[in-house]
Amino acid sequence: MSLLKLVKTKVGVIPIQRSIHSSYPLLNSSSSKPIVQEGDSLPVNQILAESTNQKELISGAPAELSTPDTRLVRIYKEAKAATQSSARNSKFWKVDWDVLPKQNRWENDLMGYQSSSDYMQGTIMQFESKESAVAFAKGQGWDYYIQEPKTRKFKQKDYSSNFYHSVGPLKHIRTK
């Protein structure tokens, strides 16, 4: 006889079933009390009517992030580094928040650093494309602006181009 059958015959209910049965009232067949009452649906409908965006209900973000007059979100693509490093930083589109005015900053007495009460200042999010960053900002109800990347005109410079034939008079470089 297996251990499971032995426990079931002695106890009548498998211990796992008992723990699930007793801890979750939805699985308990003896509970006849309704979980949602009819009076509870009215406040939910009012909350849905008052909110401009459905995602702000479940995001957990503070209300001052979703108000349009307070913050702007910048969507940009970072420039390539001036060194010979790879283009690692310039692959993604990034979203960050504009810095709040001077009122939210102070100088730290201990080290002399600039301190801020702006909790979103250091937050930067990365996206694969500009469209996905815009869709995310729209979905969150944020005002945004797009800073397009500046394209460089790359001009190939070869040493051999100094000796190409050019139409016109020859250039005489006089030296001493």
N, C-alpha and C. Protein backbone atom coordinates (compact mmCIF):
# COMPACT_ATOMS: atom_id res chain seq x y z
N MET A 1 0.86 -1.17 0.00
CA MET A 1 0.00 0.00 0.00
C MET A 1 0.90 1.23 0.00
N SER A 2 0.54 2.18 -0.82
CA SER A 2 1.37 3.38 -0.91
C SER A 2 1.12 4.29 0.29
N LEU A 3 2.05 5.18 0.50
CA LEU A 3 1.96 6.09 1.63
C LEU A 3 0.77 7.03 1.48
N LEU A 4 0.49 7.46 0.25
CA LEU A 4 -0.63 8.37 0.00
C LEU A 4 -1.96 7.70 0.33
N LYS A 5 -2.12 6.43 -0.07
CA LYS A 5 -3.36 5.72 0.24
C LYS A 5 -3.50 5.47 1.73
N LEU A 6 -2.37 5.20 2.38
CA LEU A 6 -2.39 4.96 3.81
C LEU A 6 -2.83 6.20 4.58
N VAL A 7 -2.30 7.36 4.19
CA VAL A 7 -2.67 8.62 4.84
C VAL A 7 -4.13 8.93 4.57
N LYS A 8 -4.59 8.68 3.35
CA LYS A 8 -5.98 8.98 3.00
C LYS A 8 -6.95 8.09 3.77
N THR A 9 -6.62 6.83 3.97
CA THR A 9 -7.52 5.96 4.71
C THR A 9 -7.54 6.28 6.20
N LYS A 10 -6.42 6.69 6.76
CA LYS A 10 -6.38 7.01 8.18
C LYS A 10 -7.00 8.37 8.48
N VAL A 11 -6.69 9.37 7.65
CA VAL A 11 -7.14 10.73 7.94
C VAL A 11 -8.44 11.04 7.23
N GLY A 12 -8.61 10.53 6.04
CA GLY A 12 -9.82 10.82 5.28
C GLY A 12 -9.58 11.87 4.20
N VAL A 13 -8.65 12.76 4.43
CA VAL A 13 -8.31 13.81 3.46
C VAL A 13 -6.80 13.87 3.40
N ILE A 14 -6.26 14.04 2.21
CA ILE A 14 -4.81 14.18 2.07
C ILE A 14 -4.40 15.50 2.72
N PRO A 15 -3.29 15.55 3.47
CA PRO A 15 -2.90 16.78 4.17
C PRO A 15 -2.73 17.99 3.25
N ILE A 16 -2.26 17.78 2.03
CA ILE A 16 -2.11 18.90 1.10
C ILE A 16 -3.48 19.45 0.74
N GLN A 17 -4.42 18.57 0.50
CA GLN A 17 -5.78 19.02 0.19
C GLN A 17 -6.37 19.78 1.37
N ARG A 18 -6.08 19.32 2.56
CA ARG A 18 -6.62 19.97 3.74
C ARG A 18 -6.06 21.39 3.85
N SER A 19 -4.75 21.56 3.61
CA SER A 19 -4.17 22.90 3.75
C SER A 19 -4.71 23.84 2.67
N ILE A 20 -4.86 23.35 1.46
CA ILE A 20 -5.44 24.19 0.41
C ILE A 20 -6.90 24.44 0.69
N HIS A 21 -7.58 23.39 1.14
CA HIS A 21 -9.01 23.48 1.41
C HIS A 21 -9.30 24.51 2.49
N SER A 22 -8.48 24.56 3.51
CA SER A 22 -8.77 25.46 4.62
C SER A 22 -8.25 26.87 4.41
N SER A 23 -7.19 27.05 3.60
CA SER A 23 -6.61 28.39 3.49
C SER A 23 -7.27 29.24 2.41
N TYR A 24 -7.84 28.64 1.42
CA TYR A 24 -8.47 29.40 0.35
C TYR A 24 -9.98 29.23 0.40
N PRO A 25 -10.72 30.28 0.73
CA PRO A 25 -12.17 30.12 0.83
C PRO A 25 -12.83 29.86 -0.52
N LEU A 26 -12.15 30.19 -1.63
CA LEU A 26 -12.75 29.91 -2.94
C LEU A 26 -12.84 28.40 -3.18
N LEU A 27 -11.84 27.65 -2.68
CA LEU A 27 -11.84 26.22 -2.88
C LEU A 27 -12.68 25.48 -1.86
N ASN A 28 -13.05 26.15 -0.81
CA ASN A 28 -13.84 25.55 0.25
C ASN A 28 -15.30 25.53 -0.19
N SER A 29 -15.87 24.35 -0.31
CA SER A 29 -17.24 24.25 -0.79
C SER A 29 -18.26 24.62 0.29
N SER A 30 -17.83 24.66 1.54
CA SER A 30 -18.78 24.94 2.61
C SER A 30 -19.06 26.43 2.76
N SER A 31 -18.23 27.29 2.15
CA SER A 31 -18.45 28.74 2.31
C SER A 31 -19.50 29.18 1.30
N SER A 32 -20.61 29.66 1.79
CA SER A 32 -21.68 30.13 0.92
C SER A 32 -21.73 31.66 0.88
N LYS A 33 -20.78 32.31 1.56
CA LYS A 33 -20.75 33.77 1.61
C LYS A 33 -20.19 34.31 0.29
N PRO A 34 -20.88 35.22 -0.38
CA PRO A 34 -20.35 35.75 -1.64
C PRO A 34 -19.11 36.60 -1.39
N ILE A 35 -18.15 36.49 -2.30
CA ILE A 35 -16.89 37.23 -2.15
C ILE A 35 -17.08 38.69 -2.50
N VAL A 36 -17.74 38.98 -3.60
CA VAL A 36 -18.00 40.36 -4.01
C VAL A 36 -19.47 40.64 -3.80
N GLN A 37 -19.74 41.69 -3.06
CA GLN A 37 -21.12 42.05 -2.83
C GLN A 37 -21.52 43.13 -3.83
N GLU A 38 -22.79 43.32 -4.01
CA GLU A 38 -23.26 44.24 -5.03
C GLU A 38 -22.94 45.68 -4.71
N GLY A 39 -22.84 46.05 -3.49
CA GLY A 39 -22.52 47.43 -3.11
C GLY A 39 -21.06 47.79 -3.36
N ASP A 40 -20.19 46.79 -3.52
CA ASP A 40 -18.77 47.04 -3.71
C ASP A 40 -18.44 47.50 -5.13
N SER A 41 -19.29 47.27 -6.10
CA SER A 41 -18.95 47.61 -7.48
C SER A 41 -19.08 49.11 -7.76
N LEU A 42 -19.80 49.83 -6.96
CA LEU A 42 -19.98 51.27 -7.18
C LEU A 42 -18.69 52.05 -7.03
N PRO A 43 -17.89 51.89 -5.97
CA PRO A 43 -16.64 52.65 -5.88
C PRO A 43 -15.65 52.30 -6.99
N VAL A 44 -15.62 51.06 -7.43
CA VAL A 44 -14.72 50.69 -8.52
C VAL A 44 -15.10 51.42 -9.79
N ASN A 45 -16.39 51.52 -10.07
CA ASN A 45 -16.83 52.25 -11.26
C ASN A 45 -16.50 53.73 -11.15
N GLN A 46 -16.59 54.29 -9.96
CA GLN A 46 -16.23 55.70 -9.79
C GLN A 46 -14.74 55.90 -10.00
N ILE A 47 -13.92 54.99 -9.50
CA ILE A 47 -12.47 55.10 -9.70
C ILE A 47 -12.13 55.00 -11.17
N LEU A 48 -12.76 54.08 -11.89
CA LEU A 48 -12.51 53.94 -13.32
C LEU A 48 -12.95 55.18 -14.09
N ALA A 49 -14.04 55.80 -13.67
CA ALA A 49 -14.53 57.00 -14.35
C ALA A 49 -13.61 58.19 -14.09
N GLU A 50 -13.05 58.29 -12.88
CA GLU A 50 -12.19 59.42 -12.54
C GLU A 50 -10.81 59.31 -13.15
N SER A 51 -10.31 58.11 -13.34
CA SER A 51 -8.95 57.96 -13.85
C SER A 51 -8.94 58.17 -15.36
N THR A 52 -7.92 58.87 -15.83
CA THR A 52 -7.79 59.12 -17.26
C THR A 52 -7.12 57.95 -17.94
N ASN A 53 -6.36 57.20 -17.21
CA ASN A 53 -5.61 56.10 -17.79
C ASN A 53 -5.83 54.86 -16.93
N GLN A 54 -6.13 53.74 -17.56
CA GLN A 54 -6.39 52.51 -16.82
C GLN A 54 -5.12 51.95 -16.18
N LYS A 55 -3.95 52.21 -16.79
CA LYS A 55 -2.72 51.66 -16.26
C LYS A 55 -2.30 52.30 -14.96
N GLU A 56 -2.73 53.52 -14.71
CA GLU A 56 -2.32 54.17 -13.46
C GLU A 56 -2.95 53.52 -12.24
N LEU A 57 -3.99 52.74 -12.45
CA LEU A 57 -4.60 52.03 -11.33
C LEU A 57 -3.71 50.92 -10.80
N ILE A 58 -3.01 50.24 -11.70
CA ILE A 58 -2.22 49.09 -11.27
C ILE A 58 -0.73 49.35 -11.25
N SER A 59 -0.26 50.51 -11.75
CA SER A 59 1.18 50.74 -11.81
C SER A 59 1.79 51.03 -10.46
N GLY A 60 1.04 51.62 -9.55
CA GLY A 60 1.58 51.95 -8.25
C GLY A 60 2.39 53.23 -8.24
N ALA A 61 2.43 53.94 -9.35
CA ALA A 61 3.20 55.18 -9.43
C ALA A 61 2.45 56.30 -8.72
N PRO A 62 3.17 57.25 -8.15
CA PRO A 62 2.50 58.37 -7.48
C PRO A 62 1.67 59.20 -8.45
N ALA A 63 0.70 59.89 -7.93
CA ALA A 63 -0.23 60.66 -8.78
C ALA A 63 0.46 61.82 -9.47
N GLU A 64 1.52 62.38 -8.88
CA GLU A 64 2.17 63.54 -9.51
C GLU A 64 2.92 63.17 -10.79
N LEU A 65 3.17 61.88 -11.03
CA LEU A 65 3.79 61.48 -12.28
C LEU A 65 2.79 61.50 -13.43
N SER A 66 1.53 61.30 -13.15
CA SER A 66 0.54 61.22 -14.22
C SER A 66 -0.14 62.54 -14.51
N THR A 67 0.10 63.56 -13.71
CA THR A 67 -0.50 64.86 -14.00
C THR A 67 0.28 65.52 -15.11
N PRO A 68 -0.38 66.06 -16.12
CA PRO A 68 0.33 66.55 -17.30
C PRO A 68 1.12 67.83 -17.09
N ASP A 69 0.81 68.62 -16.07
CA ASP A 69 1.48 69.90 -15.91
C ASP A 69 2.80 69.80 -15.16
N THR A 70 3.09 68.68 -14.54
CA THR A 70 4.25 68.63 -13.66
C THR A 70 5.53 68.18 -14.35
N ARG A 71 5.53 67.09 -15.08
CA ARG A 71 6.77 66.53 -15.61
C ARG A 71 6.66 66.25 -17.09
N LEU A 72 7.79 66.37 -17.74
CA LEU A 72 7.92 66.01 -19.15
C LEU A 72 8.89 64.85 -19.25
N VAL A 73 8.64 63.95 -20.16
CA VAL A 73 9.53 62.83 -20.39
C VAL A 73 10.25 63.07 -21.71
N ARG A 74 11.57 62.85 -21.69
CA ARG A 74 12.38 63.03 -22.90
C ARG A 74 12.71 61.66 -23.46
N ILE A 75 12.46 61.48 -24.75
CA ILE A 75 12.80 60.25 -25.44
C ILE A 75 13.94 60.59 -26.39
N TYR A 76 15.07 59.91 -26.23
CA TYR A 76 16.25 60.27 -27.02
C TYR A 76 17.09 59.03 -27.28
N LYS A 77 18.03 59.20 -28.20
CA LYS A 77 18.99 58.16 -28.50
C LYS A 77 20.36 58.74 -28.21
N GLU A 78 21.11 58.06 -27.37
CA GLU A 78 22.39 58.59 -26.92
C GLU A 78 23.40 58.60 -28.07
N ALA A 79 24.26 59.61 -28.08
CA ALA A 79 25.26 59.74 -29.13
C ALA A 79 26.39 58.74 -28.92
N LYS A 80 27.05 58.41 -30.01
CA LYS A 80 28.19 57.50 -29.94
C LYS A 80 29.33 58.18 -29.21
N ALA A 81 30.09 57.41 -28.46
CA ALA A 81 31.21 57.97 -27.71
C ALA A 81 32.27 58.50 -28.67
N ALA A 82 33.02 59.51 -28.23
CA ALA A 82 34.05 60.12 -29.06
C ALA A 82 35.28 59.23 -29.18
N THR A 83 35.42 58.28 -28.32
CA THR A 83 36.56 57.37 -28.39
C THR A 83 36.31 56.31 -29.45
N GLN A 84 37.22 55.37 -29.55
CA GLN A 84 37.08 54.32 -30.56
C GLN A 84 36.28 53.14 -30.02
N SER A 85 35.54 53.36 -28.98
CA SER A 85 34.74 52.29 -28.40
C SER A 85 33.61 51.91 -29.35
N SER A 86 32.96 50.83 -29.02
CA SER A 86 31.85 50.41 -29.87
C SER A 86 30.66 51.34 -29.70
N ALA A 87 29.66 51.13 -30.50
CA ALA A 87 28.45 51.95 -30.46
C ALA A 87 27.46 51.38 -29.47
N ARG A 88 27.95 50.84 -28.37
CA ARG A 88 27.10 50.17 -27.38
C ARG A 88 26.04 51.09 -26.81
N ASN A 89 26.39 52.32 -26.51
CA ASN A 89 25.44 53.24 -25.89
C ASN A 89 24.42 53.79 -26.87
N SER A 90 24.74 53.76 -28.15
CA SER A 90 23.85 54.39 -29.12
C SER A 90 22.86 53.42 -29.76
N LYS A 91 22.73 52.22 -29.24
CA LYS A 91 21.79 51.26 -29.83
C LYS A 91 20.35 51.50 -29.39
N PHE A 92 20.16 51.87 -28.15
CA PHE A 92 18.83 51.91 -27.57
C PHE A 92 18.27 53.33 -27.52
N TRP A 93 16.95 53.41 -27.55
CA TRP A 93 16.25 54.66 -27.26
C TRP A 93 16.01 54.70 -25.76
N LYS A 94 16.21 55.85 -25.16
CA LYS A 94 16.11 55.97 -23.71
C LYS A 94 15.02 56.96 -23.34
N VAL A 95 14.45 56.74 -22.17
CA VAL A 95 13.42 57.62 -21.62
C VAL A 95 13.91 58.10 -20.26
N ASP A 96 13.96 59.43 -20.08
CA ASP A 96 14.27 59.97 -18.76
C ASP A 96 13.43 61.20 -18.51
N TRP A 97 13.43 61.65 -17.28
CA TRP A 97 12.60 62.77 -16.85
C TRP A 97 13.43 64.04 -16.79
N ASP A 98 12.79 65.16 -17.13
CA ASP A 98 13.47 66.44 -17.00
C ASP A 98 13.72 66.73 -15.53
N VAL A 99 14.77 67.48 -15.28
CA VAL A 99 15.14 67.82 -13.91
C VAL A 99 14.16 68.85 -13.38
N LEU A 100 13.74 68.67 -12.15
CA LEU A 100 12.82 69.62 -11.52
C LEU A 100 13.54 70.93 -11.24
N PRO A 101 12.81 72.02 -11.06
CA PRO A 101 13.44 73.31 -10.79
C PRO A 101 14.25 73.32 -9.50
N LYS A 102 14.85 74.46 -9.22
CA LYS A 102 15.80 74.62 -8.11
C LYS A 102 15.19 74.31 -6.74
N GLN A 103 13.91 74.40 -6.58
CA GLN A 103 13.29 74.26 -5.26
C GLN A 103 13.48 72.87 -4.67
N ASN A 104 13.73 71.86 -5.48
CA ASN A 104 13.87 70.50 -4.97
C ASN A 104 15.33 70.08 -4.80
N ARG A 105 16.25 71.04 -4.79
CA ARG A 105 17.68 70.73 -4.66
C ARG A 105 18.27 71.49 -3.49
N TRP A 106 19.27 70.90 -2.88
CA TRP A 106 20.00 71.57 -1.81
C TRP A 106 21.41 71.00 -1.78
N GLU A 107 22.28 71.70 -1.09
CA GLU A 107 23.66 71.25 -0.97
C GLU A 107 23.80 70.43 0.30
N ASN A 108 24.41 69.27 0.17
CA ASN A 108 24.61 68.39 1.30
C ASN A 108 25.72 68.96 2.19
N ASP A 109 25.46 69.08 3.49
CA ASP A 109 26.42 69.70 4.40
C ASP A 109 27.66 68.85 4.61
N LEU A 110 27.53 67.54 4.59
CA LEU A 110 28.64 66.67 4.90
C LEU A 110 29.71 66.69 3.80
N MET A 111 29.31 66.48 2.57
CA MET A 111 30.28 66.38 1.48
C MET A 111 30.22 67.53 0.49
N GLY A 112 29.19 68.35 0.56
CA GLY A 112 29.06 69.44 -0.39
C GLY A 112 28.44 69.02 -1.71
N TYR A 113 27.89 67.82 -1.77
CA TYR A 113 27.26 67.34 -2.99
C TYR A 113 25.89 67.98 -3.16
N GLN A 114 25.42 67.97 -4.40
CA GLN A 114 24.05 68.40 -4.67
C GLN A 114 23.11 67.27 -4.29
N SER A 115 22.12 67.55 -3.48
CA SER A 115 21.11 66.55 -3.12
C SER A 115 19.79 66.95 -3.75
N SER A 116 18.92 65.99 -3.91
CA SER A 116 17.65 66.25 -4.57
C SER A 116 16.57 65.36 -3.96
N SER A 117 15.35 65.87 -3.97
CA SER A 117 14.22 65.06 -3.52
C SER A 117 13.48 64.45 -4.71
N ASP A 118 14.05 64.60 -5.89
CA ASP A 118 13.45 64.07 -7.10
C ASP A 118 13.82 62.60 -7.25
N TYR A 119 12.87 61.72 -7.02
CA TYR A 119 13.15 60.29 -7.07
C TYR A 119 13.17 59.74 -8.49
N MET A 120 12.71 60.49 -9.47
CA MET A 120 12.71 60.01 -10.84
C MET A 120 13.88 60.55 -11.65
N GLN A 121 14.72 61.37 -11.06
CA GLN A 121 15.81 62.01 -11.79
C GLN A 121 16.83 60.99 -12.29
N GLY A 122 17.14 59.99 -11.52
CA GLY A 122 18.14 59.01 -11.91
C GLY A 122 17.59 57.81 -12.65
N THR A 123 16.31 57.81 -12.94
CA THR A 123 15.69 56.67 -13.60
C THR A 123 15.78 56.83 -15.11
N ILE A 124 16.38 55.86 -15.77
CA ILE A 124 16.49 55.86 -17.23
C ILE A 124 16.04 54.48 -17.71
N MET A 125 15.11 54.47 -18.65
CA MET A 125 14.62 53.21 -19.20
C MET A 125 15.08 53.09 -20.64
N GLN A 126 15.38 51.87 -21.08
CA GLN A 126 15.85 51.61 -22.43
C GLN A 126 14.79 50.86 -23.23
N PHE A 127 14.70 51.22 -24.52
CA PHE A 127 13.76 50.57 -25.42
C PHE A 127 14.47 50.26 -26.73
N GLU A 128 14.00 49.24 -27.41
CA GLU A 128 14.62 48.83 -28.66
C GLU A 128 14.35 49.82 -29.79
N SER A 129 13.19 50.46 -29.78
CA SER A 129 12.85 51.38 -30.87
C SER A 129 12.16 52.61 -30.30
N LYS A 130 12.11 53.64 -31.15
CA LYS A 130 11.46 54.88 -30.74
C LYS A 130 9.96 54.67 -30.57
N GLU A 131 9.37 53.85 -31.43
CA GLU A 131 7.93 53.61 -31.37
C GLU A 131 7.53 52.92 -30.07
N SER A 132 8.35 51.99 -29.61
CA SER A 132 8.02 51.32 -28.35
C SER A 132 8.16 52.26 -27.16
N ALA A 133 9.12 53.19 -27.20
CA ALA A 133 9.27 54.17 -26.12
C ALA A 133 8.09 55.13 -26.11
N VAL A 134 7.64 55.56 -27.29
CA VAL A 134 6.49 56.46 -27.38
C VAL A 134 5.22 55.74 -26.91
N ALA A 135 5.07 54.49 -27.31
CA ALA A 135 3.89 53.72 -26.89
C ALA A 135 3.86 53.54 -25.38
N PHE A 136 5.02 53.32 -24.77
CA PHE A 136 5.07 53.17 -23.32
C PHE A 136 4.72 54.48 -22.62
N ALA A 137 5.26 55.60 -23.12
CA ALA A 137 4.96 56.90 -22.50
C ALA A 137 3.48 57.25 -22.65
N LYS A 138 2.91 56.96 -23.82
CA LYS A 138 1.48 57.21 -24.01
C LYS A 138 0.65 56.31 -23.11
N GLY A 139 1.06 55.06 -22.98
CA GLY A 139 0.33 54.11 -22.15
C GLY A 139 0.33 54.51 -20.68
N GLN A 140 1.40 55.14 -20.23
CA GLN A 140 1.48 55.59 -18.85
C GLN A 140 0.81 56.95 -18.65
N GLY A 141 0.45 57.63 -19.73
CA GLY A 141 -0.19 58.94 -19.62
C GLY A 141 0.78 60.07 -19.39
N TRP A 142 2.04 59.92 -19.81
CA TRP A 142 3.06 60.95 -19.60
C TRP A 142 3.14 61.84 -20.82
N ASP A 143 3.38 63.13 -20.59
CA ASP A 143 3.70 64.04 -21.69
C ASP A 143 5.15 63.81 -22.06
N TYR A 144 5.44 63.82 -23.34
CA TYR A 144 6.79 63.50 -23.79
C TYR A 144 7.18 64.38 -24.97
N TYR A 145 8.47 64.45 -25.22
CA TYR A 145 8.97 65.03 -26.45
C TYR A 145 10.13 64.17 -26.93
N ILE A 146 10.33 64.16 -28.23
CA ILE A 146 11.34 63.29 -28.83
C ILE A 146 12.52 64.15 -29.27
N GLN A 147 13.69 63.77 -28.84
CA GLN A 147 14.92 64.44 -29.26
C GLN A 147 15.59 63.53 -30.28
N GLU A 148 15.48 63.91 -31.54
CA GLU A 148 16.02 63.09 -32.62
C GLU A 148 17.54 63.10 -32.57
N PRO A 149 18.18 61.99 -32.89
CA PRO A 149 19.65 61.96 -32.89
C PRO A 149 20.21 62.74 -34.07
N LYS A 150 21.34 63.38 -33.84
CA LYS A 150 22.00 64.12 -34.91
C LYS A 150 22.86 63.13 -35.70
N THR A 151 22.69 63.15 -37.01
CA THR A 151 23.47 62.25 -37.85
C THR A 151 24.73 62.97 -38.31
N ARG A 152 25.83 62.26 -38.25
CA ARG A 152 27.09 62.83 -38.69
C ARG A 152 27.30 62.51 -40.16
N LYS A 153 27.85 63.48 -40.86
CA LYS A 153 28.25 63.24 -42.24
C LYS A 153 29.70 62.79 -42.20
N PHE A 154 29.90 61.54 -42.47
CA PHE A 154 31.24 60.99 -42.39
C PHE A 154 31.94 61.17 -43.72
N LYS A 155 33.06 61.82 -43.69
CA LYS A 155 33.84 62.07 -44.89
C LYS A 155 35.09 61.21 -44.80
N GLN A 156 35.25 60.34 -45.78
CA GLN A 156 36.38 59.44 -45.74
C GLN A 156 37.66 60.21 -46.03
N LYS A 157 38.64 60.01 -45.18
CA LYS A 157 39.92 60.68 -45.33
C LYS A 157 40.99 59.62 -45.53
N ASP A 158 41.58 59.62 -46.72
CA ASP A 158 42.66 58.70 -47.03
C ASP A 158 43.92 59.50 -47.33
N TYR A 159 45.03 58.93 -47.03
CA TYR A 159 46.29 59.58 -47.36
C TYR A 159 46.47 59.62 -48.87
N SER A 160 45.96 58.62 -49.55
CA SER A 160 46.13 58.55 -51.00
C SER A 160 45.34 59.64 -51.72
N SER A 161 44.31 60.19 -51.08
CA SER A 161 43.54 61.25 -51.74
C SER A 161 44.34 62.53 -51.91
N ASN A 162 45.47 62.67 -51.23
CA ASN A 162 46.33 63.84 -51.42
C ASN A 162 47.00 63.82 -52.78
N PHE A 163 47.08 62.66 -53.42
CA PHE A 163 47.82 62.53 -54.68
C PHE A 163 46.92 62.27 -55.88
N TYR A 164 45.61 62.42 -55.72
CA TYR A 164 44.70 62.24 -56.85
C TYR A 164 44.89 63.37 -57.85
N HIS A 165 44.59 63.06 -59.10
CA HIS A 165 44.68 64.08 -60.15
C HIS A 165 43.48 65.01 -60.05
N SER A 166 43.72 66.28 -60.08
CA SER A 166 42.63 67.24 -60.07
C SER A 166 42.80 68.16 -61.27
N VAL A 167 41.68 68.52 -61.88
CA VAL A 167 41.70 69.40 -63.04
C VAL A 167 42.02 70.81 -62.57
N GLY A 168 42.85 71.50 -63.30
CA GLY A 168 43.21 72.86 -62.93
C GLY A 168 44.72 72.99 -62.82
N PRO A 169 45.13 74.18 -62.49
CA PRO A 169 46.58 74.39 -62.40
C PRO A 169 47.18 73.60 -61.23
N LEU A 170 48.43 73.26 -61.39
CA LEU A 170 49.11 72.52 -60.34
C LEU A 170 49.35 73.41 -59.14
N LYS A 171 49.36 72.80 -58.02
CA LYS A 171 49.63 73.55 -56.80
C LYS A 171 51.13 73.50 -56.54
N HIS A 172 51.73 74.66 -56.47
CA HIS A 172 53.16 74.72 -56.15
C HIS A 172 53.28 75.15 -54.71
N ILE A 173 53.85 74.30 -53.93
CA ILE A 173 54.09 74.65 -52.54
C ILE A 173 55.54 75.07 -52.45
N ARG A 174 55.73 76.32 -52.13
CA ARG A 174 57.09 76.85 -52.08
C ARG A 174 57.64 76.69 -50.66
N THR A 175 58.78 76.16 -50.63
CA THR A 175 59.48 76.04 -49.35
C THR A 175 60.78 76.81 -49.44
N LYS A 176 61.48 77.04 -48.40
CA LYS A 176 62.72 77.81 -48.41
C LYS A 176 63.83 77.11 -49.10
